Each structure stands twice: as C-alpha cells, then as structure tokens.
Amino acid sequence: MLLAFFDTLEILVVGTLWFDVPIRGGLGLLLALSGLFLISSLGMGLFISTVARTQQEAMMLTYFTLLPTIFLSGFFFPLRAMPPVLQAISYLVPLRYYLVIIRSVLLKGVGLGSLGPKCWRSP
C-alpha cells in the first residue's frame, strides 16, 4: 500500500512539474480518494493471488481482469458511446469512478460535495 501511494505521489509530482498539469482541487481529498482506489485495486490483486494456484495462472487472471477494466472504465472510449449493457457493467469497475475523481479534482477543482453524486449514482 505504501509503495502504491508513493507511486501516486510520484505521478502527481511528475505530472505537475514536467507536464504542467495543474492540481486545482484539494490535494488531501485527492490523496484520500486515491487511497480508496488503491485499496480496491490491491484487494482485486489479493483476490487473484488467492484464487490462482501458479504464477502463470495469476498473470493470466490479471490480464483477464485488467483489460476489461480498462476498456469499461471510460479511459479509451466514452461511456455514453458504449451499449447500455456495457454501461451497466461499467458500474462494477472501480477505475470508472477514479477517472471521474482524477479529472474532477485535478482539472476542475471540484470538492467532495459535487463529486459524490457523480461517483455514487446508480445506473
């Protein structure tokens, strides 16, 4: 968990200093919500490592879960352009919510009050 948090801080520093991406929202809010995302991601990894019997099986399960997660999060394709069935499935993907959080806090300066309804609404 500490290593993942260090990586998150490192990406924020590089993004701010090297690529001039402003942090318009609260850094504490961003780190707290990043912690929730990291816990869910590490939980998925722990589940995969518990289910898998070999390292190869764990790697295949990771690829099997990560690819749909990335495609259903709205990172590559807009969620509104997806069929309704895939939009409904995307509500199960934690990365979907984290992308909304990152874009809102970093670029728009949104606080928790207006961020909550975007993240917790149902399909």
N, C-alpha and C. Protein backbone atom coordinates (compact mmCIF):
# COMPACT_ATOMS: atom_id res chain seq x y z
N MET A 1 0.83 -1.19 0.00
CA MET A 1 0.00 0.00 0.00
C MET A 1 0.87 1.25 0.00
N LEU A 2 1.95 1.23 0.79
CA LEU A 2 2.84 2.39 0.83
C LEU A 2 3.55 2.60 -0.51
N LEU A 3 3.92 1.52 -1.15
CA LEU A 3 4.57 1.63 -2.46
C LEU A 3 3.61 2.21 -3.49
N ALA A 4 2.37 1.78 -3.46
CA ALA A 4 1.37 2.31 -4.39
C ALA A 4 1.11 3.80 -4.11
N PHE A 5 1.07 4.19 -2.85
CA PHE A 5 0.89 5.60 -2.51
C PHE A 5 2.10 6.42 -2.97
N PHE A 6 3.30 5.87 -2.81
CA PHE A 6 4.50 6.56 -3.28
C PHE A 6 4.44 6.75 -4.79
N ASP A 7 3.99 5.73 -5.52
CA ASP A 7 3.85 5.85 -6.97
C ASP A 7 2.82 6.91 -7.35
N THR A 8 1.74 6.99 -6.60
CA THR A 8 0.72 8.01 -6.86
C THR A 8 1.30 9.41 -6.66
N LEU A 9 2.02 9.60 -5.57
CA LEU A 9 2.65 10.91 -5.33
C LEU A 9 3.68 11.23 -6.40
N GLU A 10 4.44 10.23 -6.81
CA GLU A 10 5.44 10.43 -7.85
C GLU A 10 4.80 10.86 -9.17
N ILE A 11 3.70 10.23 -9.53
CA ILE A 11 2.99 10.59 -10.76
C ILE A 11 2.42 12.00 -10.66
N LEU A 12 1.91 12.38 -9.49
CA LEU A 12 1.39 13.74 -9.32
C LEU A 12 2.51 14.78 -9.45
N VAL A 13 3.67 14.50 -8.87
CA VAL A 13 4.80 15.43 -8.94
C VAL A 13 5.30 15.55 -10.38
N VAL A 14 5.47 14.44 -11.06
CA VAL A 14 5.95 14.48 -12.45
C VAL A 14 4.92 15.17 -13.35
N GLY A 15 3.64 14.85 -13.14
CA GLY A 15 2.60 15.49 -13.94
C GLY A 15 2.54 16.99 -13.73
N THR A 16 2.77 17.42 -12.51
CA THR A 16 2.71 18.86 -12.21
C THR A 16 3.96 19.59 -12.70
N LEU A 17 5.13 19.05 -12.40
CA LEU A 17 6.37 19.74 -12.74
C LEU A 17 6.79 19.58 -14.20
N TRP A 18 6.64 18.38 -14.73
CA TRP A 18 7.13 18.12 -16.08
C TRP A 18 6.08 18.47 -17.14
N PHE A 19 4.84 18.06 -16.92
CA PHE A 19 3.79 18.24 -17.93
C PHE A 19 2.88 19.43 -17.65
N ASP A 20 3.15 20.17 -16.58
CA ASP A 20 2.38 21.37 -16.22
C ASP A 20 0.88 21.10 -16.05
N VAL A 21 0.55 19.95 -15.50
CA VAL A 21 -0.85 19.64 -15.18
C VAL A 21 -1.16 20.27 -13.83
N PRO A 22 -2.09 21.21 -13.79
CA PRO A 22 -2.37 21.87 -12.51
C PRO A 22 -3.19 20.98 -11.58
N ILE A 23 -2.98 21.13 -10.30
CA ILE A 23 -3.82 20.50 -9.29
C ILE A 23 -4.72 21.60 -8.75
N ARG A 24 -5.92 21.69 -9.31
CA ARG A 24 -6.82 22.79 -8.96
C ARG A 24 -7.65 22.50 -7.72
N GLY A 25 -7.83 21.23 -7.41
CA GLY A 25 -8.63 20.86 -6.24
C GLY A 25 -7.76 20.59 -5.03
N GLY A 26 -8.38 20.07 -4.00
CA GLY A 26 -7.68 19.78 -2.76
C GLY A 26 -6.80 18.54 -2.87
N LEU A 27 -5.54 18.70 -2.50
CA LEU A 27 -4.60 17.59 -2.56
C LEU A 27 -4.95 16.52 -1.53
N GLY A 28 -5.43 16.92 -0.37
CA GLY A 28 -5.84 15.96 0.65
C GLY A 28 -7.01 15.09 0.19
N LEU A 29 -7.99 15.72 -0.45
CA LEU A 29 -9.13 14.98 -0.98
C LEU A 29 -8.67 14.00 -2.05
N LEU A 30 -7.78 14.45 -2.92
CA LEU A 30 -7.26 13.59 -3.98
C LEU A 30 -6.52 12.39 -3.41
N LEU A 31 -5.70 12.62 -2.39
CA LEU A 31 -4.95 11.52 -1.79
C LEU A 31 -5.86 10.57 -1.02
N ALA A 32 -6.87 11.09 -0.37
CA ALA A 32 -7.81 10.22 0.36
C ALA A 32 -8.59 9.33 -0.59
N LEU A 33 -9.08 9.91 -1.68
CA LEU A 33 -9.84 9.12 -2.64
C LEU A 33 -8.92 8.19 -3.44
N SER A 34 -7.67 8.59 -3.63
CA SER A 34 -6.70 7.70 -4.26
C SER A 34 -6.44 6.50 -3.35
N GLY A 35 -6.43 6.73 -2.05
CA GLY A 35 -6.25 5.63 -1.11
C GLY A 35 -7.38 4.61 -1.22
N LEU A 36 -8.61 5.09 -1.37
CA LEU A 36 -9.73 4.17 -1.55
C LEU A 36 -9.59 3.36 -2.83
N PHE A 37 -9.16 4.01 -3.90
CA PHE A 37 -8.96 3.30 -5.16
C PHE A 37 -7.83 2.28 -5.03
N LEU A 38 -6.76 2.66 -4.36
CA LEU A 38 -5.64 1.74 -4.19
C LEU A 38 -6.04 0.52 -3.35
N ILE A 39 -6.85 0.73 -2.34
CA ILE A 39 -7.32 -0.39 -1.53
C ILE A 39 -8.16 -1.35 -2.37
N SER A 40 -9.03 -0.80 -3.22
CA SER A 40 -9.85 -1.68 -4.06
C SER A 40 -8.99 -2.40 -5.10
N SER A 41 -8.01 -1.73 -5.65
CA SER A 41 -7.13 -2.38 -6.63
C SER A 41 -6.26 -3.45 -5.98
N LEU A 42 -5.72 -3.15 -4.82
CA LEU A 42 -4.92 -4.15 -4.12
C LEU A 42 -5.79 -5.30 -3.64
N GLY A 43 -7.03 -5.04 -3.34
CA GLY A 43 -7.95 -6.11 -2.97
C GLY A 43 -8.22 -7.05 -4.13
N MET A 44 -8.36 -6.48 -5.33
CA MET A 44 -8.52 -7.33 -6.51
C MET A 44 -7.28 -8.18 -6.74
N GLY A 45 -6.10 -7.60 -6.54
CA GLY A 45 -4.86 -8.36 -6.69
C GLY A 45 -4.73 -9.45 -5.65
N LEU A 46 -5.15 -9.17 -4.44
CA LEU A 46 -5.11 -10.18 -3.38
C LEU A 46 -6.08 -11.31 -3.68
N PHE A 47 -7.24 -10.97 -4.21
CA PHE A 47 -8.21 -12.00 -4.59
C PHE A 47 -7.65 -12.89 -5.69
N ILE A 48 -7.01 -12.28 -6.69
CA ILE A 48 -6.43 -13.06 -7.78
C ILE A 48 -5.33 -13.97 -7.26
N SER A 49 -4.49 -13.46 -6.39
CA SER A 49 -3.41 -14.28 -5.86
C SER A 49 -3.93 -15.40 -4.96
N THR A 50 -5.08 -15.21 -4.36
CA THR A 50 -5.68 -16.27 -3.53
C THR A 50 -6.28 -17.37 -4.40
N VAL A 51 -6.90 -16.98 -5.49
CA VAL A 51 -7.57 -17.94 -6.36
C VAL A 51 -6.57 -18.72 -7.21
N ALA A 52 -5.53 -18.06 -7.67
CA ALA A 52 -4.57 -18.69 -8.58
C ALA A 52 -3.70 -19.71 -7.85
N ARG A 53 -3.39 -20.79 -8.55
CA ARG A 53 -2.53 -21.82 -7.97
C ARG A 53 -1.09 -21.66 -8.40
N THR A 54 -0.84 -21.08 -9.57
CA THR A 54 0.53 -20.87 -10.05
C THR A 54 0.70 -19.41 -10.44
N GLN A 55 1.95 -19.05 -10.67
CA GLN A 55 2.23 -17.68 -11.08
C GLN A 55 1.68 -17.40 -12.48
N GLN A 56 1.75 -18.36 -13.37
CA GLN A 56 1.21 -18.18 -14.71
C GLN A 56 -0.30 -17.98 -14.68
N GLU A 57 -0.96 -18.74 -13.83
CA GLU A 57 -2.40 -18.59 -13.69
C GLU A 57 -2.75 -17.21 -13.12
N ALA A 58 -1.96 -16.73 -12.19
CA ALA A 58 -2.20 -15.39 -11.63
C ALA A 58 -2.00 -14.32 -12.69
N MET A 59 -0.99 -14.47 -13.52
CA MET A 59 -0.76 -13.48 -14.59
C MET A 59 -1.90 -13.50 -15.60
N MET A 60 -2.38 -14.67 -15.95
CA MET A 60 -3.48 -14.75 -16.91
C MET A 60 -4.77 -14.17 -16.32
N LEU A 61 -5.03 -14.44 -15.06
CA LEU A 61 -6.20 -13.86 -14.40
C LEU A 61 -6.10 -12.34 -14.31
N THR A 62 -4.89 -11.86 -14.09
CA THR A 62 -4.68 -10.41 -14.04
C THR A 62 -4.98 -9.78 -15.39
N TYR A 63 -4.46 -10.38 -16.45
CA TYR A 63 -4.75 -9.85 -17.79
C TYR A 63 -6.23 -9.95 -18.10
N PHE A 64 -6.84 -11.04 -17.67
CA PHE A 64 -8.26 -11.26 -17.93
C PHE A 64 -9.13 -10.24 -17.21
N THR A 65 -8.69 -9.74 -16.07
CA THR A 65 -9.48 -8.74 -15.35
C THR A 65 -9.08 -7.31 -15.70
N LEU A 66 -7.80 -7.07 -15.97
CA LEU A 66 -7.35 -5.69 -16.23
C LEU A 66 -7.82 -5.16 -17.59
N LEU A 67 -7.78 -5.98 -18.62
CA LEU A 67 -8.19 -5.48 -19.94
C LEU A 67 -9.64 -5.03 -19.96
N PRO A 68 -10.59 -5.86 -19.49
CA PRO A 68 -11.97 -5.35 -19.46
C PRO A 68 -12.13 -4.14 -18.53
N THR A 69 -11.38 -4.10 -17.44
CA THR A 69 -11.46 -2.97 -16.52
C THR A 69 -11.07 -1.68 -17.22
N ILE A 70 -9.98 -1.72 -17.98
CA ILE A 70 -9.53 -0.52 -18.68
C ILE A 70 -10.51 -0.11 -19.77
N PHE A 71 -11.01 -1.09 -20.52
CA PHE A 71 -11.94 -0.77 -21.60
C PHE A 71 -13.29 -0.30 -21.08
N LEU A 72 -13.74 -0.80 -19.95
CA LEU A 72 -15.05 -0.42 -19.42
C LEU A 72 -15.00 0.79 -18.50
N SER A 73 -13.83 1.36 -18.27
CA SER A 73 -13.72 2.49 -17.35
C SER A 73 -14.03 3.83 -18.01
N GLY A 74 -13.99 3.89 -19.32
CA GLY A 74 -14.16 5.17 -20.00
C GLY A 74 -12.83 5.84 -20.30
N PHE A 75 -11.73 5.13 -20.12
CA PHE A 75 -10.41 5.69 -20.39
C PHE A 75 -10.15 5.79 -21.88
N PHE A 76 -10.46 4.74 -22.62
CA PHE A 76 -10.24 4.73 -24.07
C PHE A 76 -11.46 5.23 -24.84
N PHE A 77 -12.63 4.78 -24.44
CA PHE A 77 -13.86 5.10 -25.15
C PHE A 77 -14.83 5.78 -24.19
N PRO A 78 -15.58 6.77 -24.67
CA PRO A 78 -16.57 7.41 -23.80
C PRO A 78 -17.64 6.40 -23.37
N LEU A 79 -18.05 6.51 -22.13
CA LEU A 79 -19.05 5.57 -21.61
C LEU A 79 -20.38 5.71 -22.32
N ARG A 80 -20.72 6.90 -22.73
CA ARG A 80 -22.01 7.11 -23.41
C ARG A 80 -22.05 6.49 -24.79
N ALA A 81 -20.87 6.20 -25.37
CA ALA A 81 -20.83 5.57 -26.69
C ALA A 81 -20.93 4.06 -26.61
N MET A 82 -20.90 3.50 -25.41
CA MET A 82 -20.99 2.06 -25.23
C MET A 82 -22.45 1.62 -25.22
N PRO A 83 -22.69 0.36 -25.57
CA PRO A 83 -24.06 -0.17 -25.46
C PRO A 83 -24.53 -0.14 -24.01
N PRO A 84 -25.83 -0.05 -23.79
CA PRO A 84 -26.36 0.04 -22.42
C PRO A 84 -25.94 -1.12 -21.51
N VAL A 85 -25.77 -2.31 -22.06
CA VAL A 85 -25.35 -3.45 -21.24
C VAL A 85 -23.95 -3.22 -20.70
N LEU A 86 -23.03 -2.73 -21.55
CA LEU A 86 -21.67 -2.46 -21.10
C LEU A 86 -21.62 -1.27 -20.15
N GLN A 87 -22.49 -0.29 -20.35
CA GLN A 87 -22.56 0.83 -19.42
C GLN A 87 -22.98 0.34 -18.04
N ALA A 88 -23.92 -0.59 -17.98
CA ALA A 88 -24.36 -1.13 -16.69
C ALA A 88 -23.24 -1.93 -16.03
N ILE A 89 -22.49 -2.69 -16.81
CA ILE A 89 -21.38 -3.47 -16.26
C ILE A 89 -20.28 -2.54 -15.76
N SER A 90 -20.11 -1.38 -16.40
CA SER A 90 -19.03 -0.46 -16.02
C SER A 90 -19.20 0.09 -14.61
N TYR A 91 -20.40 0.02 -14.05
CA TYR A 91 -20.60 0.48 -12.68
C TYR A 91 -19.92 -0.42 -11.66
N LEU A 92 -19.49 -1.61 -12.08
CA LEU A 92 -18.78 -2.52 -11.19
C LEU A 92 -17.27 -2.28 -11.19
N VAL A 93 -16.79 -1.41 -12.06
CA VAL A 93 -15.35 -1.19 -12.25
C VAL A 93 -14.90 0.01 -11.41
N PRO A 94 -13.99 -0.18 -10.45
CA PRO A 94 -13.53 0.94 -9.63
C PRO A 94 -12.79 2.03 -10.43
N LEU A 95 -12.12 1.65 -11.50
CA LEU A 95 -11.39 2.63 -12.30
C LEU A 95 -12.33 3.65 -12.94
N ARG A 96 -13.55 3.27 -13.19
CA ARG A 96 -14.55 4.19 -13.75
C ARG A 96 -14.73 5.39 -12.83
N TYR A 97 -14.86 5.12 -11.55
CA TYR A 97 -15.07 6.18 -10.56
C TYR A 97 -13.80 6.98 -10.34
N TYR A 98 -12.67 6.30 -10.35
CA TYR A 98 -11.41 7.00 -10.10
C TYR A 98 -11.08 7.97 -11.23
N LEU A 99 -11.42 7.63 -12.46
CA LEU A 99 -11.20 8.56 -13.56
C LEU A 99 -12.03 9.82 -13.40
N VAL A 100 -13.26 9.67 -12.93
CA VAL A 100 -14.10 10.84 -12.66
C VAL A 100 -13.46 11.68 -11.56
N ILE A 101 -12.95 11.02 -10.53
CA ILE A 101 -12.32 11.73 -9.41
C ILE A 101 -11.09 12.49 -9.87
N ILE A 102 -10.20 11.82 -10.60
CA ILE A 102 -8.96 12.45 -11.06
C ILE A 102 -9.25 13.64 -11.96
N ARG A 103 -10.12 13.46 -12.92
CA ARG A 103 -10.43 14.56 -13.84
C ARG A 103 -11.09 15.72 -13.12
N SER A 104 -11.98 15.41 -12.19
CA SER A 104 -12.71 16.47 -11.49
C SER A 104 -11.82 17.24 -10.52
N VAL A 105 -11.02 16.53 -9.73
CA VAL A 105 -10.21 17.21 -8.72
C VAL A 105 -9.02 17.91 -9.36
N LEU A 106 -8.32 17.23 -10.26
CA LEU A 106 -7.13 17.84 -10.85
C LEU A 106 -7.45 18.99 -11.78
N LEU A 107 -8.35 18.77 -12.71
CA LEU A 107 -8.57 19.75 -13.77
C LEU A 107 -9.66 20.77 -13.46
N LYS A 108 -10.70 20.36 -12.72
CA LYS A 108 -11.83 21.26 -12.47
C LYS A 108 -11.84 21.87 -11.08
N GLY A 109 -11.10 21.29 -10.14
CA GLY A 109 -11.08 21.81 -8.78
C GLY A 109 -12.34 21.52 -8.00
N VAL A 110 -12.98 20.42 -8.30
CA VAL A 110 -14.25 20.06 -7.67
C VAL A 110 -13.99 19.52 -6.27
N GLY A 111 -14.89 19.80 -5.36
CA GLY A 111 -14.79 19.28 -4.00
C GLY A 111 -15.65 18.04 -3.81
N LEU A 112 -15.65 17.53 -2.61
CA LEU A 112 -16.37 16.30 -2.31
C LEU A 112 -17.88 16.47 -2.44
N GLY A 113 -18.39 17.66 -2.18
CA GLY A 113 -19.83 17.89 -2.25
C GLY A 113 -20.41 17.64 -3.62
N SER A 114 -19.75 18.08 -4.67
CA SER A 114 -20.27 17.86 -6.01
C SER A 114 -19.69 16.61 -6.65
N LEU A 115 -18.70 16.01 -6.02
CA LEU A 115 -18.09 14.79 -6.57
C LEU A 115 -18.89 13.55 -6.17
N GLY A 116 -19.51 13.59 -5.01
CA GLY A 116 -20.26 12.43 -4.51
C GLY A 116 -21.36 11.95 -5.43
N PRO A 117 -22.27 12.81 -5.89
CA PRO A 117 -23.34 12.33 -6.77
C PRO A 117 -22.83 11.72 -8.07
N LYS A 118 -21.71 12.17 -8.58
CA LYS A 118 -21.16 11.60 -9.81
C LYS A 118 -20.65 10.19 -9.59
N CYS A 119 -20.11 9.93 -8.43
CA CYS A 119 -19.49 8.64 -8.16
C CYS A 119 -20.46 7.60 -7.63
N TRP A 120 -21.49 8.02 -6.93
CA TRP A 120 -22.32 7.04 -6.25
C TRP A 120 -23.71 6.88 -6.85
N ARG A 121 -23.97 7.43 -8.01
CA ARG A 121 -25.29 7.24 -8.59
C ARG A 121 -25.37 5.86 -9.23
N SER A 122 -26.56 5.35 -9.28
CA SER A 122 -26.74 4.00 -9.84
C SER A 122 -27.12 4.11 -11.31
N PRO A 123 -27.01 2.99 -12.05
CA PRO A 123 -27.27 3.03 -13.50
C PRO A 123 -28.68 3.37 -13.85
